[in-house]
N, C-alpha and C. Protein backbone atom coordinates (compact mmCIF):
# COMPACT_ATOMS: atom_id res chain seq x y z
N MET A 1 9.71 14.65 -46.54
CA MET A 1 8.43 14.05 -46.28
C MET A 1 7.34 15.03 -46.70
N LYS A 2 6.39 14.54 -47.44
CA LYS A 2 5.31 15.36 -47.94
C LYS A 2 4.07 15.14 -47.09
N ILE A 3 3.41 16.23 -46.69
CA ILE A 3 2.19 16.14 -45.88
C ILE A 3 0.99 16.21 -46.79
N ASP A 4 0.14 15.20 -46.69
CA ASP A 4 -1.07 15.14 -47.51
C ASP A 4 -2.18 15.86 -46.76
N LYS A 5 -2.70 16.94 -47.32
CA LYS A 5 -3.72 17.75 -46.65
C LYS A 5 -5.13 17.26 -46.92
N ARG A 6 -5.28 16.23 -47.73
CA ARG A 6 -6.62 15.72 -48.01
C ARG A 6 -7.12 14.89 -46.83
N ILE A 7 -8.36 15.06 -46.47
CA ILE A 7 -8.97 14.30 -45.40
C ILE A 7 -9.90 13.27 -46.03
N THR A 8 -9.64 12.03 -45.70
CA THR A 8 -10.49 10.97 -46.25
C THR A 8 -11.40 10.45 -45.14
N PRO A 9 -12.68 10.26 -45.42
CA PRO A 9 -13.59 9.74 -44.40
C PRO A 9 -13.24 8.28 -44.10
N PRO A 10 -13.44 7.86 -42.85
CA PRO A 10 -13.14 6.47 -42.51
C PRO A 10 -14.10 5.53 -43.22
N THR A 11 -13.62 4.38 -43.52
CA THR A 11 -14.47 3.40 -44.19
C THR A 11 -15.43 2.78 -43.19
N ALA A 12 -16.46 2.17 -43.66
CA ALA A 12 -17.47 1.58 -42.80
C ALA A 12 -16.88 0.47 -41.93
N ALA A 13 -15.92 -0.27 -42.44
CA ALA A 13 -15.30 -1.35 -41.67
C ALA A 13 -14.54 -0.79 -40.46
N LYS A 14 -13.83 0.32 -40.65
CA LYS A 14 -13.08 0.92 -39.55
C LYS A 14 -14.03 1.46 -38.47
N VAL A 15 -15.11 2.07 -38.87
CA VAL A 15 -16.06 2.65 -37.92
C VAL A 15 -16.71 1.55 -37.10
N SER A 16 -17.16 0.49 -37.73
CA SER A 16 -17.84 -0.56 -36.99
C SER A 16 -16.89 -1.30 -36.06
N ALA A 17 -15.61 -1.36 -36.41
CA ALA A 17 -14.64 -2.04 -35.55
C ALA A 17 -14.35 -1.23 -34.30
N THR A 18 -14.42 0.08 -34.37
CA THR A 18 -14.10 0.91 -33.21
C THR A 18 -15.32 1.22 -32.36
N GLN A 19 -16.51 1.13 -32.89
CA GLN A 19 -17.69 1.51 -32.12
C GLN A 19 -18.02 0.55 -31.00
N GLY A 20 -17.72 -0.70 -31.12
CA GLY A 20 -18.11 -1.68 -30.11
C GLY A 20 -17.06 -1.95 -29.07
N LYS A 21 -15.95 -1.26 -29.07
CA LYS A 21 -14.88 -1.54 -28.11
C LYS A 21 -15.34 -1.28 -26.69
N GLY A 22 -15.05 -2.24 -25.81
CA GLY A 22 -15.36 -2.09 -24.40
C GLY A 22 -16.81 -2.29 -24.04
N VAL A 23 -17.65 -2.61 -24.98
CA VAL A 23 -19.06 -2.79 -24.70
C VAL A 23 -19.42 -4.26 -24.90
N ASP A 24 -20.03 -4.86 -23.91
CA ASP A 24 -20.43 -6.25 -23.99
C ASP A 24 -21.66 -6.36 -24.88
N LYS A 25 -21.69 -7.35 -25.74
CA LYS A 25 -22.82 -7.51 -26.65
C LYS A 25 -24.09 -7.90 -25.92
N LYS A 26 -23.97 -8.40 -24.69
CA LYS A 26 -25.14 -8.80 -23.92
C LYS A 26 -25.65 -7.69 -23.02
N SER A 27 -25.19 -6.47 -23.19
CA SER A 27 -25.62 -5.37 -22.33
C SER A 27 -27.10 -5.07 -22.54
N ALA A 28 -27.70 -4.52 -21.52
CA ALA A 28 -29.13 -4.24 -21.56
C ALA A 28 -29.43 -3.13 -22.56
N PRO A 29 -30.47 -3.28 -23.34
CA PRO A 29 -30.82 -2.23 -24.29
C PRO A 29 -31.36 -1.01 -23.57
N ALA A 30 -31.17 0.15 -24.17
CA ALA A 30 -31.66 1.40 -23.57
C ALA A 30 -33.17 1.44 -23.65
N THR A 31 -33.80 1.95 -22.60
CA THR A 31 -35.24 2.06 -22.61
C THR A 31 -35.66 3.33 -23.33
N ALA A 32 -36.84 3.32 -23.86
CA ALA A 32 -37.32 4.46 -24.64
C ALA A 32 -37.56 5.67 -23.73
N GLY A 33 -37.96 5.45 -22.49
CA GLY A 33 -38.27 6.54 -21.58
C GLY A 33 -37.06 7.10 -20.86
N GLY A 34 -35.91 6.50 -21.01
CA GLY A 34 -34.71 6.97 -20.31
C GLY A 34 -34.21 5.91 -19.35
N ASP A 35 -33.25 6.27 -18.56
CA ASP A 35 -32.66 5.35 -17.60
C ASP A 35 -33.58 5.17 -16.41
N SER A 36 -33.43 4.03 -15.74
CA SER A 36 -34.22 3.80 -14.53
C SER A 36 -33.30 3.21 -13.47
N LEU A 37 -33.69 3.38 -12.22
CA LEU A 37 -32.91 2.91 -11.10
C LEU A 37 -33.85 2.31 -10.07
N THR A 38 -33.51 1.12 -9.59
CA THR A 38 -34.32 0.47 -8.57
C THR A 38 -33.45 0.27 -7.34
N LEU A 39 -33.88 0.82 -6.22
CA LEU A 39 -33.14 0.68 -4.98
C LEU A 39 -33.64 -0.53 -4.21
N THR A 40 -32.72 -1.22 -3.55
CA THR A 40 -33.13 -2.34 -2.73
C THR A 40 -33.78 -1.83 -1.46
N GLU A 41 -34.44 -2.72 -0.76
CA GLU A 41 -35.12 -2.32 0.48
C GLU A 41 -34.11 -1.83 1.51
N SER A 42 -32.96 -2.49 1.60
CA SER A 42 -31.97 -2.07 2.59
C SER A 42 -31.39 -0.71 2.24
N SER A 43 -31.20 -0.42 0.96
CA SER A 43 -30.70 0.88 0.54
C SER A 43 -31.70 1.98 0.89
N THR A 44 -32.95 1.70 0.67
CA THR A 44 -34.00 2.66 0.99
C THR A 44 -34.05 2.90 2.50
N ARG A 45 -33.87 1.84 3.27
CA ARG A 45 -33.88 1.96 4.73
C ARG A 45 -32.68 2.77 5.23
N ILE A 46 -31.52 2.55 4.62
CA ILE A 46 -30.32 3.30 5.00
C ILE A 46 -30.53 4.79 4.74
N ARG A 47 -31.10 5.13 3.60
CA ARG A 47 -31.36 6.54 3.31
C ARG A 47 -32.32 7.16 4.31
N ALA A 48 -33.33 6.41 4.73
CA ALA A 48 -34.28 6.92 5.71
C ALA A 48 -33.59 7.13 7.06
N LEU A 49 -32.72 6.20 7.45
CA LEU A 49 -31.98 6.35 8.70
C LEU A 49 -31.02 7.53 8.66
N GLU A 50 -30.37 7.74 7.53
CA GLU A 50 -29.48 8.89 7.38
C GLU A 50 -30.25 10.19 7.57
N THR A 51 -31.44 10.27 7.03
CA THR A 51 -32.27 11.46 7.17
C THR A 51 -32.65 11.67 8.63
N GLN A 52 -33.01 10.59 9.33
CA GLN A 52 -33.37 10.70 10.74
C GLN A 52 -32.17 11.13 11.58
N LEU A 53 -31.01 10.55 11.32
CA LEU A 53 -29.82 10.89 12.09
C LEU A 53 -29.36 12.32 11.87
N ALA A 54 -29.62 12.86 10.68
CA ALA A 54 -29.23 14.23 10.40
C ALA A 54 -29.98 15.22 11.29
N SER A 55 -31.17 14.85 11.75
CA SER A 55 -31.96 15.76 12.57
C SER A 55 -31.71 15.59 14.07
N VAL A 56 -30.89 14.61 14.47
CA VAL A 56 -30.62 14.36 15.88
C VAL A 56 -29.56 15.33 16.39
N ASP A 57 -29.82 15.92 17.55
CA ASP A 57 -28.86 16.83 18.17
C ASP A 57 -27.82 16.00 18.91
N VAL A 58 -26.55 16.22 18.60
CA VAL A 58 -25.48 15.40 19.18
C VAL A 58 -24.98 15.95 20.51
N ALA A 59 -25.37 17.15 20.89
CA ALA A 59 -24.94 17.74 22.16
C ALA A 59 -25.84 17.27 23.29
N ASP A 60 -25.24 17.09 24.45
CA ASP A 60 -25.99 16.72 25.65
C ASP A 60 -26.60 18.01 26.22
N ALA A 61 -27.90 18.17 26.02
CA ALA A 61 -28.57 19.40 26.41
C ALA A 61 -28.43 19.66 27.91
N GLY A 62 -28.50 18.63 28.73
CA GLY A 62 -28.37 18.80 30.18
C GLY A 62 -27.00 19.32 30.58
N LYS A 63 -25.97 18.79 29.95
CA LYS A 63 -24.61 19.24 30.26
C LYS A 63 -24.39 20.68 29.80
N VAL A 64 -24.93 21.01 28.63
CA VAL A 64 -24.81 22.37 28.11
C VAL A 64 -25.47 23.36 29.08
N GLU A 65 -26.64 23.03 29.55
CA GLU A 65 -27.34 23.91 30.49
C GLU A 65 -26.59 24.04 31.81
N ALA A 66 -25.99 22.93 32.27
CA ALA A 66 -25.23 22.96 33.52
C ALA A 66 -24.00 23.87 33.39
N VAL A 67 -23.32 23.80 32.25
CA VAL A 67 -22.15 24.66 32.03
C VAL A 67 -22.59 26.11 31.93
N LYS A 68 -23.69 26.37 31.23
CA LYS A 68 -24.20 27.75 31.13
C LYS A 68 -24.53 28.31 32.50
N ALA A 69 -25.18 27.50 33.33
CA ALA A 69 -25.55 27.96 34.67
C ALA A 69 -24.31 28.21 35.52
N ALA A 70 -23.32 27.33 35.41
CA ALA A 70 -22.09 27.50 36.18
C ALA A 70 -21.34 28.74 35.72
N LEU A 71 -21.33 29.03 34.44
CA LEU A 71 -20.69 30.26 33.93
C LEU A 71 -21.43 31.50 34.43
N ALA A 72 -22.77 31.42 34.38
CA ALA A 72 -23.57 32.57 34.82
C ALA A 72 -23.39 32.83 36.32
N ASN A 73 -23.26 31.76 37.10
CA ASN A 73 -23.10 31.91 38.57
C ASN A 73 -21.66 32.19 38.98
N GLY A 74 -20.73 32.01 38.07
CA GLY A 74 -19.33 32.21 38.41
C GLY A 74 -18.72 31.02 39.13
N THR A 75 -19.36 29.88 39.06
CA THR A 75 -18.87 28.69 39.76
C THR A 75 -18.18 27.68 38.84
N PHE A 76 -18.07 28.01 37.57
CA PHE A 76 -17.43 27.10 36.62
C PHE A 76 -15.93 27.05 36.88
N GLU A 77 -15.41 25.85 37.06
CA GLU A 77 -13.98 25.68 37.33
C GLU A 77 -13.31 24.96 36.16
N VAL A 78 -12.15 25.47 35.78
CA VAL A 78 -11.38 24.87 34.71
C VAL A 78 -10.25 24.07 35.32
N ASP A 79 -10.14 22.82 34.93
CA ASP A 79 -9.04 21.98 35.40
C ASP A 79 -7.86 22.22 34.47
N ALA A 80 -6.92 23.02 34.93
CA ALA A 80 -5.79 23.43 34.09
C ALA A 80 -4.96 22.24 33.62
N GLU A 81 -4.85 21.21 34.45
CA GLU A 81 -4.05 20.04 34.08
C GLU A 81 -4.70 19.30 32.90
N VAL A 82 -6.01 19.17 32.92
CA VAL A 82 -6.71 18.50 31.81
C VAL A 82 -6.57 19.32 30.53
N VAL A 83 -6.72 20.62 30.64
CA VAL A 83 -6.58 21.49 29.47
C VAL A 83 -5.17 21.38 28.90
N ALA A 84 -4.16 21.40 29.76
CA ALA A 84 -2.77 21.30 29.31
C ALA A 84 -2.51 19.95 28.64
N ASP A 85 -3.01 18.86 29.23
CA ASP A 85 -2.82 17.53 28.64
C ASP A 85 -3.46 17.42 27.25
N ARG A 86 -4.65 17.94 27.13
CA ARG A 86 -5.33 17.88 25.83
C ARG A 86 -4.67 18.78 24.80
N LEU A 87 -4.15 19.91 25.22
CA LEU A 87 -3.43 20.80 24.32
C LEU A 87 -2.15 20.13 23.82
N ILE A 88 -1.45 19.46 24.73
CA ILE A 88 -0.23 18.73 24.34
C ILE A 88 -0.57 17.59 23.38
N ASP A 89 -1.62 16.83 23.68
CA ASP A 89 -2.03 15.73 22.80
C ASP A 89 -2.39 16.24 21.41
N GLN A 90 -3.12 17.35 21.36
CA GLN A 90 -3.52 17.93 20.07
C GLN A 90 -2.29 18.38 19.29
N THR A 91 -1.33 18.99 19.97
CA THR A 91 -0.11 19.45 19.31
C THR A 91 0.69 18.27 18.78
N LYS A 92 0.81 17.21 19.56
CA LYS A 92 1.52 16.00 19.10
C LYS A 92 0.86 15.44 17.85
N GLU A 93 -0.46 15.36 17.85
CA GLU A 93 -1.20 14.82 16.69
C GLU A 93 -0.99 15.69 15.46
N THR A 94 -1.00 16.99 15.63
CA THR A 94 -0.78 17.91 14.52
C THR A 94 0.63 17.74 13.95
N LEU A 95 1.60 17.59 14.84
CA LEU A 95 2.98 17.41 14.39
C LEU A 95 3.18 16.08 13.67
N ARG A 96 2.48 15.04 14.11
CA ARG A 96 2.57 13.73 13.44
C ARG A 96 2.02 13.79 12.02
N LYS A 97 0.98 14.55 11.82
CA LYS A 97 0.33 14.63 10.51
C LYS A 97 1.08 15.52 9.53
N ARG A 98 1.93 16.40 10.04
CA ARG A 98 2.65 17.34 9.19
C ARG A 98 3.73 16.62 8.42
N PRO A 99 3.87 16.92 7.12
CA PRO A 99 4.93 16.27 6.33
C PRO A 99 6.30 16.69 6.83
N ARG A 100 7.24 15.76 6.81
CA ARG A 100 8.59 16.03 7.27
C ARG A 100 9.41 16.69 6.17
N LYS A 101 10.29 17.60 6.57
CA LYS A 101 11.18 18.26 5.62
C LYS A 101 12.39 17.35 5.39
N LYS A 102 12.87 17.32 4.16
CA LYS A 102 14.04 16.50 3.84
C LYS A 102 15.28 17.30 3.81
């Protein structure tokens, strides 16, 4: 088998046949100033709500202060049974998510 090292440019028919693949002929023409995007009113409202929610503190300030005061006074009590139950639940969940060995 002989390898031809000459490179021939593609003909105009081949180029035009491959350029339009996957593009609908009814697609919107490009604007001279660049691309544009119009958001709907609901989309704009969602973005505003996301911004507002990002600034909201999710911690209960009253409960945090009560725990701080109880720690400072030495009156904070830990319910060992609740801690143990939650530790066991967390361990079970971690083990469920871990991939099994074959």
